[in-house]
Amino acid sequence: MFVILFCFLATSFIFAILGKSFVLQFDKTKQDNYTFTDSFFIGLCLAGSFLNIWSLFLPTNFFSLLFLSFLSCFLLYINFKILKKEFLNNIKWFYSEKNGFI
């Protein structure tokens, strides 16, 4: 059960970082229009496209996972200030009384 949770969190991290970095790089004028869910699915599409092209030349194995993981960590390092600010804003929104969760 913990392995499934860890795999889900790791892949979610990879997809979210790839998607948010793509949005930050290519749509600099309307960054506020994209939510975490949008970034997640953009990252899913980018990772899927990359792995499909990778599989044409090399087998998709743990090397491709390591490459995507290191790429996500590198992009996190580059965009840390922006991602930290957005993460803190999401936490504040979650604990606010306007959303109705808590």
PDB file of N, CA and C in Angstrom:
ATOM      1  N   MET A   1       0.821  -1.190   0.000  1.00  0.00           N
ATOM      2  CA  MET A   1       0.000   0.000   0.000  1.00  0.00           C
ATOM      3  C   MET A   1       0.871   1.263   0.000  1.00  0.00           C
ATOM      4  N   PHE A   2       1.919   1.255   0.793  1.00  0.00           N
ATOM      5  CA  PHE A   2       2.811   2.415   0.830  1.00  0.00           C
ATOM      6  C   PHE A   2       3.588   2.570  -0.472  1.00  0.00           C
ATOM      7  N   VAL A   3       3.878   1.456  -1.132  1.00  0.00           N
ATOM      8  CA  VAL A   3       4.591   1.523  -2.404  1.00  0.00           C
ATOM      9  C   VAL A   3       3.716   2.206  -3.455  1.00  0.00           C
ATOM     10  N   ILE A   4       2.434   1.884  -3.462  1.00  0.00           N
ATOM     11  CA  ILE A   4       1.511   2.509  -4.409  1.00  0.00           C
ATOM     12  C   ILE A   4       1.415   4.008  -4.134  1.00  0.00           C
ATOM     13  N   LEU A   5       1.326   4.372  -2.866  1.00  0.00           N
ATOM     14  CA  LEU A   5       1.269   5.785  -2.496  1.00  0.00           C
ATOM     15  C   LEU A   5       2.544   6.510  -2.914  1.00  0.00           C
ATOM     16  N   PHE A   6       3.689   5.900  -2.666  1.00  0.00           N
ATOM     17  CA  PHE A   6       4.963   6.508  -3.043  1.00  0.00           C
ATOM     18  C   PHE A   6       5.066   6.676  -4.559  1.00  0.00           C
ATOM     19  N   CYS A   7       4.671   5.655  -5.322  1.00  0.00           N
ATOM     20  CA  CYS A   7       4.718   5.753  -6.782  1.00  0.00           C
ATOM     21  C   CYS A   7       3.788   6.842  -7.289  1.00  0.00           C
ATOM     22  N   PHE A   8       2.594   6.951  -6.705  1.00  0.00           N
ATOM     23  CA  PHE A   8       1.669   7.998  -7.116  1.00  0.00           C
ATOM     24  C   PHE A   8       2.230   9.378  -6.817  1.00  0.00           C
ATOM     25  N   LEU A   9       2.807   9.556  -5.641  1.00  0.00           N
ATOM     26  CA  LEU A   9       3.378  10.858  -5.284  1.00  0.00           C
ATOM     27  C   LEU A   9       4.576  11.204  -6.159  1.00  0.00           C
ATOM     28  N   ALA A  10       5.401  10.220  -6.457  1.00  0.00           N
ATOM     29  CA  ALA A  10       6.585  10.470  -7.288  1.00  0.00           C
ATOM     30  C   ALA A  10       6.178  10.855  -8.715  1.00  0.00           C
ATOM     31  N   THR A  11       5.236  10.137  -9.292  1.00  0.00           N
ATOM     32  CA  THR A  11       4.809  10.472 -10.644  1.00  0.00           C
ATOM     33  C   THR A  11       4.036  11.788 -10.666  1.00  0.00           C
ATOM     34  N   SER A  12       3.270  12.055  -9.628  1.00  0.00           N
ATOM     35  CA  SER A  12       2.568  13.343  -9.553  1.00  0.00           C
ATOM     36  C   SER A  12       3.556  14.493  -9.475  1.00  0.00           C
ATOM     37  N   PHE A  13       4.620  14.310  -8.703  1.00  0.00           N
ATOM     38  CA  PHE A  13       5.674  15.319  -8.612  1.00  0.00           C
ATOM     39  C   PHE A  13       6.299  15.567  -9.984  1.00  0.00           C
ATOM     40  N   ILE A  14       6.625  14.500 -10.689  1.00  0.00           N
ATOM     41  CA  ILE A  14       7.249  14.636 -12.008  1.00  0.00           C
ATOM     42  C   ILE A  14       6.311  15.357 -12.971  1.00  0.00           C
ATOM     43  N   PHE A  15       5.052  14.933 -13.015  1.00  0.00           N
ATOM     44  CA  PHE A  15       4.107  15.538 -13.952  1.00  0.00           C
ATOM     45  C   PHE A  15       3.844  16.997 -13.619  1.00  0.00           C
ATOM     46  N   ALA A  16       3.667  17.303 -12.342  1.00  0.00           N
ATOM     47  CA  ALA A  16       3.351  18.678 -11.949  1.00  0.00           C
ATOM     48  C   ALA A  16       4.518  19.621 -12.232  1.00  0.00           C
ATOM     49  N   ILE A  17       5.732  19.202 -11.935  1.00  0.00           N
ATOM     50  CA  ILE A  17       6.898  20.052 -12.175  1.00  0.00           C
ATOM     51  C   ILE A  17       7.130  20.249 -13.667  1.00  0.00           C
ATOM     52  N   LEU A  18       7.001  19.183 -14.454  1.00  0.00           N
ATOM     53  CA  LEU A  18       7.170  19.327 -15.901  1.00  0.00           C
ATOM     54  C   LEU A  18       6.111  20.257 -16.486  1.00  0.00           C
ATOM     55  N   GLY A  19       4.874  20.080 -16.068  1.00  0.00           N
ATOM     56  CA  GLY A  19       3.796  20.910 -16.601  1.00  0.00           C
ATOM     57  C   GLY A  19       3.914  22.359 -16.202  1.00  0.00           C
ATOM     58  N   LYS A  20       4.216  22.614 -14.935  1.00  0.00           N
ATOM     59  CA  LYS A  20       4.337  24.005 -14.482  1.00  0.00           C
ATOM     60  C   LYS A  20       5.535  24.682 -15.130  1.00  0.00           C
ATOM     61  N   SER A  21       6.629  23.965 -15.300  1.00  0.00           N
ATOM     62  CA  SER A  21       7.799  24.547 -15.963  1.00  0.00           C
ATOM     63  C   SER A  21       7.495  24.859 -17.423  1.00  0.00           C
ATOM     64  N   PHE A  22       6.728  23.995 -18.072  1.00  0.00           N
ATOM     65  CA  PHE A  22       6.328  24.253 -19.456  1.00  0.00           C
ATOM     66  C   PHE A  22       5.469  25.503 -19.541  1.00  0.00           C
ATOM     67  N   VAL A  23       4.516  25.647 -18.621  1.00  0.00           N
ATOM     68  CA  VAL A  23       3.653  26.827 -18.605  1.00  0.00           C
ATOM     69  C   VAL A  23       4.467  28.081 -18.321  1.00  0.00           C
ATOM     70  N   LEU A  24       5.396  28.011 -17.378  1.00  0.00           N
ATOM     71  CA  LEU A  24       6.226  29.169 -17.054  1.00  0.00           C
ATOM     72  C   LEU A  24       7.093  29.588 -18.236  1.00  0.00           C
ATOM     73  N   GLN A  25       7.536  28.626 -19.014  1.00  0.00           N
ATOM     74  CA  GLN A  25       8.429  28.942 -20.123  1.00  0.00           C
ATOM     75  C   GLN A  25       7.691  29.443 -21.356  1.00  0.00           C
ATOM     76  N   PHE A  26       6.545  28.844 -21.672  1.00  0.00           N
ATOM     77  CA  PHE A  26       5.924  29.110 -22.965  1.00  0.00           C
ATOM     78  C   PHE A  26       4.674  29.984 -22.918  1.00  0.00           C
ATOM     79  N   ASP A  27       4.120  30.247 -21.752  1.00  0.00           N
ATOM     80  CA  ASP A  27       2.949  31.120 -21.669  1.00  0.00           C
ATOM     81  C   ASP A  27       3.163  32.114 -20.533  1.00  0.00           C
ATOM     82  N   LYS A  28       4.066  33.040 -20.752  1.00  0.00           N
ATOM     83  CA  LYS A  28       4.463  33.967 -19.700  1.00  0.00           C
ATOM     84  C   LYS A  28       3.421  35.038 -19.416  1.00  0.00           C
ATOM     85  N   THR A  29       2.501  35.256 -20.331  1.00  0.00           N
ATOM     86  CA  THR A  29       1.524  36.329 -20.138  1.00  0.00           C
ATOM     87  C   THR A  29       0.313  35.886 -19.322  1.00  0.00           C
ATOM     88  N   LYS A  30      -0.083  34.618 -19.405  1.00  0.00           N
ATOM     89  CA  LYS A  30      -1.311  34.165 -18.746  1.00  0.00           C
ATOM     90  C   LYS A  30      -1.052  32.997 -17.798  1.00  0.00           C
ATOM     91  N   GLN A  31      -0.057  33.111 -16.945  1.00  0.00           N
ATOM     92  CA  GLN A  31       0.292  32.022 -16.041  1.00  0.00           C
ATOM     93  C   GLN A  31      -0.775  31.771 -14.987  1.00  0.00           C
ATOM     94  N   ASP A  32      -1.538  32.790 -14.629  1.00  0.00           N
ATOM     95  CA  ASP A  32      -2.545  32.630 -13.585  1.00  0.00           C
ATOM     96  C   ASP A  32      -3.751  31.837 -14.064  1.00  0.00           C
ATOM     97  N   ASN A  33      -3.903  31.643 -15.360  1.00  0.00           N
ATOM     98  CA  ASN A  33      -5.043  30.898 -15.885  1.00  0.00           C
ATOM     99  C   ASN A  33      -4.901  29.392 -15.702  1.00  0.00           C
ATOM    100  N   TYR A  34      -3.721  28.911 -15.348  1.00  0.00           N
ATOM    101  CA  TYR A  34      -3.459  27.482 -15.227  1.00  0.00           C
ATOM    102  C   TYR A  34      -3.475  27.072 -13.761  1.00  0.00           C
ATOM    103  N   THR A  35      -4.236  26.028 -13.447  1.00  0.00           N
ATOM    104  CA  THR A  35      -4.298  25.508 -12.089  1.00  0.00           C
ATOM    105  C   THR A  35      -3.308  24.354 -11.947  1.00  0.00           C
ATOM    106  N   PHE A  36      -3.268  23.794 -10.741  1.00  0.00           N
ATOM    107  CA  PHE A  36      -2.406  22.631 -10.500  1.00  0.00           C
ATOM    108  C   PHE A  36      -2.843  21.456 -11.375  1.00  0.00           C
ATOM    109  N   THR A  37      -4.137  21.283 -11.541  1.00  0.00           N
ATOM    110  CA  THR A  37      -4.651  20.186 -12.364  1.00  0.00           C
ATOM    111  C   THR A  37      -4.225  20.347 -13.815  1.00  0.00           C
ATOM    112  N   ASP A  38      -4.275  21.572 -14.314  1.00  0.00           N
ATOM    113  CA  ASP A  38      -3.814  21.828 -15.683  1.00  0.00           C
ATOM    114  C   ASP A  38      -2.332  21.502 -15.827  1.00  0.00           C
ATOM    115  N   SER A  39      -1.539  21.934 -14.861  1.00  0.00           N
ATOM    116  CA  SER A  39      -0.101  21.659 -14.904  1.00  0.00           C
ATOM    117  C   SER A  39       0.171  20.161 -14.844  1.00  0.00           C
ATOM    118  N   PHE A  40      -0.606  19.452 -14.024  1.00  0.00           N
ATOM    119  CA  PHE A  40      -0.442  18.003 -13.911  1.00  0.00           C
ATOM    120  C   PHE A  40      -0.677  17.323 -15.253  1.00  0.00           C
ATOM    121  N   PHE A  41      -1.766  17.674 -15.919  1.00  0.00           N
ATOM    122  CA  PHE A  41      -2.090  17.010 -17.182  1.00  0.00           C
ATOM    123  C   PHE A  41      -1.183  17.463 -18.324  1.00  0.00           C
ATOM    124  N   ILE A  42      -0.708  18.696 -18.296  1.00  0.00           N
ATOM    125  CA  ILE A  42       0.288  19.120 -19.287  1.00  0.00           C
ATOM    126  C   ILE A  42       1.571  18.327 -19.088  1.00  0.00           C
ATOM    127  N   GLY A  43       1.981  18.133 -17.832  1.00  0.00           N
ATOM    128  CA  GLY A  43       3.167  17.324 -17.549  1.00  0.00           C
ATOM    129  C   GLY A  43       2.980  15.871 -17.936  1.00  0.00           C
ATOM    130  N   LEU A  44       1.775  15.341 -17.747  1.00  0.00           N
ATOM    131  CA  LEU A  44       1.477  13.970 -18.161  1.00  0.00           C
ATOM    132  C   LEU A  44       1.633  13.829 -19.670  1.00  0.00           C
ATOM    133  N   CYS A  45       1.119  14.790 -20.405  1.00  0.00           N
ATOM    134  CA  CYS A  45       1.250  14.756 -21.872  1.00  0.00           C
ATOM    135  C   CYS A  45       2.703  14.882 -22.306  1.00  0.00           C
ATOM    136  N   LEU A  46       3.451  15.771 -21.667  1.00  0.00           N
ATOM    137  CA  LEU A  46       4.865  15.935 -22.020  1.00  0.00           C
ATOM    138  C   LEU A  46       5.666  14.670 -21.716  1.00  0.00           C
ATOM    139  N   ALA A  47       5.435  14.089 -20.540  1.00  0.00           N
ATOM    140  CA  ALA A  47       6.158  12.874 -20.175  1.00  0.00           C
ATOM    141  C   ALA A  47       5.773  11.717 -21.094  1.00  0.00           C
ATOM    142  N   GLY A  48       4.488  11.610 -21.426  1.00  0.00           N
ATOM    143  CA  GLY A  48       4.054  10.551 -22.339  1.00  0.00           C
ATOM    144  C   GLY A  48       4.646  10.707 -23.723  1.00  0.00           C
ATOM    145  N   SER A  49       4.682  11.928 -24.219  1.00  0.00           N
ATOM    146  CA  SER A  49       5.281  12.171 -25.541  1.00  0.00           C
ATOM    147  C   SER A  49       6.773  11.852 -25.534  1.00  0.00           C
ATOM    148  N   PHE A  50       7.447  12.275 -24.469  1.00  0.00           N
ATOM    149  CA  PHE A  50       8.878  12.000 -24.355  1.00  0.00           C
ATOM    150  C   PHE A  50       9.146  10.496 -24.311  1.00  0.00           C
ATOM    151  N   LEU A  51       8.342   9.769 -23.530  1.00  0.00           N
ATOM    152  CA  LEU A  51       8.567   8.323 -23.417  1.00  0.00           C
ATOM    153  C   LEU A  51       8.213   7.587 -24.704  1.00  0.00           C
ATOM    154  N   ASN A  52       7.243   8.087 -25.459  1.00  0.00           N
ATOM    155  CA  ASN A  52       6.927   7.465 -26.747  1.00  0.00           C
ATOM    156  C   ASN A  52       8.075   7.641 -27.731  1.00  0.00           C
ATOM    157  N   ILE A  53       8.663   8.831 -27.759  1.00  0.00           N
ATOM    158  CA  ILE A  53       9.811   9.057 -28.649  1.00  0.00           C
ATOM    159  C   ILE A  53      11.019   8.255 -28.158  1.00  0.00           C
ATOM    160  N   TRP A  54      11.207   8.203 -26.847  1.00  0.00           N
ATOM    161  CA  TRP A  54      12.312   7.429 -26.269  1.00  0.00           C
ATOM    162  C   TRP A  54      12.196   5.957 -26.674  1.00  0.00           C
ATOM    163  N   SER A  55      10.967   5.415 -26.641  1.00  0.00           N
ATOM    164  CA  SER A  55      10.782   3.986 -26.908  1.00  0.00           C
ATOM    165  C   SER A  55      11.030   3.623 -28.374  1.00  0.00           C
ATOM    166  N   LEU A  56      11.093   4.594 -29.256  1.00  0.00           N
ATOM    167  CA  LEU A  56      11.440   4.294 -30.642  1.00  0.00           C
ATOM    168  C   LEU A  56      12.899   3.883 -30.781  1.00  0.00           C
ATOM    169  N   PHE A  57      13.756   4.409 -29.918  1.00  0.00           N
ATOM    170  CA  PHE A  57      15.191   4.179 -30.046  1.00  0.00           C
ATOM    171  C   PHE A  57      15.765   3.299 -28.937  1.00  0.00           C
ATOM    172  N   LEU A  58      15.218   3.423 -27.731  1.00  0.00           N
ATOM    173  CA  LEU A  58      15.707   2.665 -26.579  1.00  0.00           C
ATOM    174  C   LEU A  58      14.523   2.062 -25.846  1.00  0.00           C
ATOM    175  N   PRO A  59      14.734   0.979 -25.117  1.00  0.00           N
ATOM    176  CA  PRO A  59      13.622   0.450 -24.322  1.00  0.00           C
ATOM    177  C   PRO A  59      13.300   1.387 -23.153  1.00  0.00           C
ATOM    178  N   THR A  60      12.026   1.473 -22.843  1.00  0.00           N
ATOM    179  CA  THR A  60      11.600   2.306 -21.721  1.00  0.00           C
ATOM    180  C   THR A  60      11.789   1.493 -20.447  1.00  0.00           C
ATOM    181  N   ASN A  61      12.757   1.890 -19.641  1.00  0.00           N
ATOM    182  CA  ASN A  61      13.065   1.168 -18.409  1.00  0.00           C
ATOM    183  C   ASN A  61      13.394   2.169 -17.319  1.00  0.00           C
ATOM    184  N   PHE A  62      14.111   1.749 -16.308  1.00  0.00           N
ATOM    185  CA  PHE A  62      14.375   2.633 -15.178  1.00  0.00           C
ATOM    186  C   PHE A  62      15.289   3.801 -15.540  1.00  0.00           C
ATOM    187  N   PHE A  63      16.029   3.713 -16.636  1.00  0.00           N
ATOM    188  CA  PHE A  63      16.848   4.846 -17.063  1.00  0.00           C
ATOM    189  C   PHE A  63      15.978   6.029 -17.501  1.00  0.00           C
ATOM    190  N   SER A  64      14.883   5.717 -18.154  1.00  0.00           N
ATOM    191  CA  SER A  64      13.971   6.799 -18.546  1.00  0.00           C
ATOM    192  C   SER A  64      13.309   7.407 -17.310  1.00  0.00           C
ATOM    193  N   LEU A  65      12.995   6.588 -16.325  1.00  0.00           N
ATOM    194  CA  LEU A  65      12.443   7.110 -15.069  1.00  0.00           C
ATOM    195  C   LEU A  65      13.463   7.991 -14.350  1.00  0.00           C
ATOM    196  N   LEU A  66      14.708   7.546 -14.311  1.00  0.00           N
ATOM    197  CA  LEU A  66      15.758   8.360 -13.690  1.00  0.00           C
ATOM    198  C   LEU A  66      15.952   9.671 -14.441  1.00  0.00           C
ATOM    199  N   PHE A  67      15.913   9.627 -15.761  1.00  0.00           N
ATOM    200  CA  PHE A  67      16.072  10.840 -16.541  1.00  0.00           C
ATOM    201  C   PHE A  67      14.943  11.826 -16.254  1.00  0.00           C
ATOM    202  N   LEU A  68      13.684  11.348 -16.238  1.00  0.00           N
ATOM    203  CA  LEU A  68      12.559  12.227 -15.937  1.00  0.00           C
ATOM    204  C   LEU A  68      12.628  12.757 -14.508  1.00  0.00           C
ATOM    205  N   SER A  69      13.089  11.921 -13.578  1.00  0.00           N
ATOM    206  CA  SER A  69      13.219  12.370 -12.186  1.00  0.00           C
ATOM    207  C   SER A  69      14.281  13.458 -12.046  1.00  0.00           C
ATOM    208  N   PHE A  70      15.433  13.257 -12.665  1.00  0.00           N
ATOM    209  CA  PHE A  70      16.491  14.267 -12.599  1.00  0.00           C
ATOM    210  C   PHE A  70      16.088  15.543 -13.338  1.00  0.00           C
ATOM    211  N   LEU A  71      15.372  15.401 -14.435  1.00  0.00           N
ATOM    212  CA  LEU A  71      14.879  16.566 -15.149  1.00  0.00           C
ATOM    213  C   LEU A  71      13.903  17.364 -14.279  1.00  0.00           C
ATOM    214  N   SER A  72      13.023  16.675 -13.578  1.00  0.00           N
ATOM    215  CA  SER A  72      12.077  17.356 -12.691  1.00  0.00           C
ATOM    216  C   SER A  72      12.793  18.048 -11.532  1.00  0.00           C
ATOM    217  N   CYS A  73      13.781  17.390 -10.964  1.00  0.00           N
ATOM    218  CA  CYS A  73      14.547  18.019  -9.873  1.00  0.00           C
ATOM    219  C   CYS A  73      15.305  19.235 -10.376  1.00  0.00           C
ATOM    220  N   PHE A  74      15.861  19.152 -11.577  1.00  0.00           N
ATOM    221  CA  PHE A  74      16.568  20.290 -12.158  1.00  0.00           C
ATOM    222  C   PHE A  74      15.613  21.457 -12.410  1.00  0.00           C
ATOM    223  N   LEU A  75      14.431  21.170 -12.955  1.00  0.00           N
ATOM    224  CA  LEU A  75      13.442  22.223 -13.193  1.00  0.00           C
ATOM    225  C   LEU A  75      12.911  22.802 -11.883  1.00  0.00           C
ATOM    226  N   LEU A  76      12.800  21.966 -10.860  1.00  0.00           N
ATOM    227  CA  LEU A  76      12.406  22.466  -9.539  1.00  0.00           C
ATOM    228  C   LEU A  76      13.465  23.415  -8.996  1.00  0.00           C
ATOM    229  N   TYR A  77      14.718  23.075  -9.180  1.00  0.00           N
ATOM    230  CA  TYR A  77      15.816  23.937  -8.728  1.00  0.00           C
ATOM    231  C   TYR A  77      15.795  25.279  -9.453  1.00  0.00           C
ATOM    232  N   ILE A  78      15.529  25.252 -10.746  1.00  0.00           N
ATOM    233  CA  ILE A  78      15.512  26.486 -11.532  1.00  0.00           C
ATOM    234  C   ILE A  78      14.336  27.379 -11.150  1.00  0.00           C
ATOM    235  N   ASN A  79      13.149  26.801 -10.994  1.00  0.00           N
ATOM    236  CA  ASN A  79      11.919  27.561 -10.752  1.00  0.00           C
ATOM    237  C   ASN A  79      11.470  27.515  -9.297  1.00  0.00           C
ATOM    238  N   PHE A  80      12.394  27.341  -8.360  1.00  0.00           N
ATOM    239  CA  PHE A  80      12.017  27.113  -6.966  1.00  0.00           C
ATOM    240  C   PHE A  80      11.242  28.277  -6.363  1.00  0.00           C
ATOM    241  N   LYS A  81      11.675  29.504  -6.618  1.00  0.00           N
ATOM    242  CA  LYS A  81      11.007  30.658  -6.006  1.00  0.00           C
ATOM    243  C   LYS A  81       9.559  30.784  -6.467  1.00  0.00           C
ATOM    244  N   ILE A  82       9.335  30.594  -7.744  1.00  0.00           N
ATOM    245  CA  ILE A  82       7.975  30.715  -8.289  1.00  0.00           C
ATOM    246  C   ILE A  82       7.100  29.579  -7.788  1.00  0.00           C
ATOM    247  N   LEU A  83       7.635  28.366  -7.781  1.00  0.00           N
ATOM    248  CA  LEU A  83       6.857  27.212  -7.341  1.00  0.00           C
ATOM    249  C   LEU A  83       6.565  27.266  -5.844  1.00  0.00           C
ATOM    250  N   LYS A  84       7.506  27.780  -5.065  1.00  0.00           N
ATOM    251  CA  LYS A  84       7.289  27.899  -3.624  1.00  0.00           C
ATOM    252  C   LYS A  84       6.167  28.895  -3.344  1.00  0.00           C
ATOM    253  N   LYS A  85       6.172  30.022  -4.052  1.00  0.00           N
ATOM    254  CA  LYS A  85       5.133  31.024  -3.865  1.00  0.00           C
ATOM    255  C   LYS A  85       3.762  30.456  -4.235  1.00  0.00           C
ATOM    256  N   GLU A  86       3.691  29.734  -5.320  1.00  0.00           N
ATOM    257  CA  GLU A  86       2.411  29.146  -5.726  1.00  0.00           C
ATOM    258  C   GLU A  86       1.951  28.071  -4.739  1.00  0.00           C
ATOM    259  N   PHE A  87       2.881  27.266  -4.244  1.00  0.00           N
ATOM    260  CA  PHE A  87       2.533  26.233  -3.269  1.00  0.00           C
ATOM    261  C   PHE A  87       1.985  26.855  -1.992  1.00  0.00           C
ATOM    262  N   LEU A  88       2.622  27.911  -1.513  1.00  0.00           N
ATOM    263  CA  LEU A  88       2.142  28.577  -0.301  1.00  0.00           C
ATOM    264  C   LEU A  88       0.779  29.228  -0.520  1.00  0.00           C
ATOM    265  N   ASN A  89       0.541  29.788  -1.701  1.00  0.00           N
ATOM    266  CA  ASN A  89      -0.775  30.339  -2.004  1.00  0.00           C
ATOM    267  C   ASN A  89      -1.848  29.254  -2.030  1.00  0.00           C
ATOM    268  N   ASN A  90      -1.508  28.072  -2.545  1.00  0.00           N
ATOM    269  CA  ASN A  90      -2.464  26.965  -2.549  1.00  0.00           C
ATOM    270  C   ASN A  90      -2.767  26.482  -1.133  1.00  0.00           C
ATOM    271  N   ILE A  91      -1.773  26.464  -0.279  1.00  0.00           N
ATOM    272  CA  ILE A  91      -1.993  26.065   1.119  1.00  0.00           C
ATOM    273  C   ILE A  91      -2.878  27.085   1.820  1.00  0.00           C
ATOM    274  N   LYS A  92      -2.629  28.370   1.591  1.00  0.00           N
ATOM    275  CA  LYS A  92      -3.472  29.410   2.195  1.00  0.00           C
ATOM    276  C   LYS A  92      -4.904  29.296   1.706  1.00  0.00           C
ATOM    277  N   TRP A  93      -5.092  29.021   0.418  1.00  0.00           N
ATOM    278  CA  TRP A  93      -6.439  28.876  -0.121  1.00  0.00           C
ATOM    279  C   TRP A  93      -7.145  27.670   0.495  1.00  0.00           C
ATOM    280  N   PHE A  94      -6.406  26.581   0.684  1.00  0.00           N
ATOM    281  CA  PHE A  94      -7.006  25.365   1.235  1.00  0.00           C
ATOM    282  C   PHE A  94      -7.503  25.588   2.652  1.00  0.00           C
ATOM    283  N   TYR A  95      -6.757  26.347   3.450  1.00  0.00           N
ATOM    284  CA  TYR A  95      -7.146  26.587   4.838  1.00  0.00           C
ATOM    285  C   TYR A  95      -8.038  27.816   5.020  1.00  0.00           C
ATOM    286  N   SER A  96      -8.352  28.504   3.948  1.00  0.00           N
ATOM    287  CA  SER A  96      -9.254  29.660   4.080  1.00  0.00           C
ATOM    288  C   SER A  96     -10.687  29.179   4.260  1.00  0.00           C
ATOM    289  N   GLU A  97     -11.510  30.044   4.773  1.00  0.00           N
ATOM    290  CA  GLU A  97     -12.884  29.667   5.043  1.00  0.00           C
ATOM    291  C   GLU A  97     -13.775  29.767   3.806  1.00  0.00           C
ATOM    292  N   LYS A  98     -13.303  30.373   2.748  1.00  0.00           N
ATOM    293  CA  LYS A  98     -14.108  30.579   1.559  1.00  0.00           C
ATOM    294  C   LYS A  98     -14.300  29.314   0.741  1.00  0.00           C
ATOM    295  N   ASN A  99     -13.359  28.373   0.810  1.00  0.00           N
ATOM    296  CA  ASN A  99     -13.466  27.210  -0.046  1.00  0.00           C
ATOM    297  C   ASN A  99     -14.405  26.141   0.491  1.00  0.00           C
ATOM    298  N   GLY A 100     -14.712  26.112   1.765  1.00  0.00           N
ATOM    299  CA  GLY A 100     -15.661  25.181   2.334  1.00  0.00           C
ATOM    300  C   GLY A 100     -15.107  23.829   2.699  1.00  0.00           C
ATOM    301  N   PHE A 101     -13.790  23.610   2.559  1.00  0.00           N
ATOM    302  CA  PHE A 101     -13.226  22.317   2.930  1.00  0.00           C
ATOM    303  C   PHE A 101     -13.104  22.180   4.440  1.00  0.00           C
ATOM    304  N   ILE A 102     -12.613  23.220   5.077  1.00  0.00           N
ATOM    305  CA  ILE A 102     -12.360  23.138   6.524  1.00  0.00           C
ATOM    306  C   ILE A 102     -13.175  24.165   7.239  1.00  0.00           C
TER     307      ILE A 102
END
